[in-house]
Amino acid sequence: MVTVVSRARSHRADATKETILAVAERLFAEHGVIAVSNRQISEAAGQGNNAAVGYHFGTKTDLVLAIVRHRDERIAAIRARMLEETGDSTEVRDWVACLVRPAAEHLAELGSPTWYGRFGAQVMSDPVLRELMIDETFGPSLQRTLDGLNRCMPALPPLVRIERGDLVRNILVHMLAERERALADGAPTARSNWHSYATGLIDAITGLWIAPVTPDR
């Protein structure tokens, strides 16, 4: 009997946590992390106890990281699958695809509406949370992708490599958010689906990586 009751409580707790994660992701995406309080999240999640967020997750930063982990687990799994297909490719475009497609594919499989694209853009705009999100998502599959990309461009100067890496990160984060926002607003989009949108991003980002380097003067 005790085991049955314990399981029921565990299931309720898990369901509550899932609800809080979903609500927090949406509110952070729509209003920004700073503007949303744990109390607002608890109320929007239908929790009578306004301390529910703190009870289940801790601080707001802990909650943000929980959302990142929740999504990145699936994104990393998609990337790992793509890496197996990519093998030891020497084509820049193949490695760029491993950067771009996992997040776009995950957004596609979530259906509509989604909020993680805009959530990511909000978090990456915060000077503290930005570094935490980068650290949290930098796992083995991403490291392998970057290693493969670097092998394709051995002559690219280190400082230019860093500069273009920053450019790519910003393009990817904010362009995913832009399409997600357009879909939420019912605005027209240049591409009909996430797969095609990712293809366009891969085209552009590949061009950025292989663009000529003008020497400083």
Foldseek 3Di string as FASTA:
>chain_A
DVVVVVVVVVVVLVVLLVLLLQQLLQCCLVPNLVVDDLQNSCVVSVHPDSCSCCVNQNDSLSSLLVNLLVQLVQLLVVLVVLCVVCDLDLALLSLLLSVAVSVLVSCQVVPPQDRNLSSLVRQCVDPVSVVVSVVSNPDDSNVVSVVSNCVNCVPDDPVLVVVLVVVLVVCRSVVSSVVSVCVVVVHDDPDDGSVVVSVVSSVVSSCSVPPDDDDDD
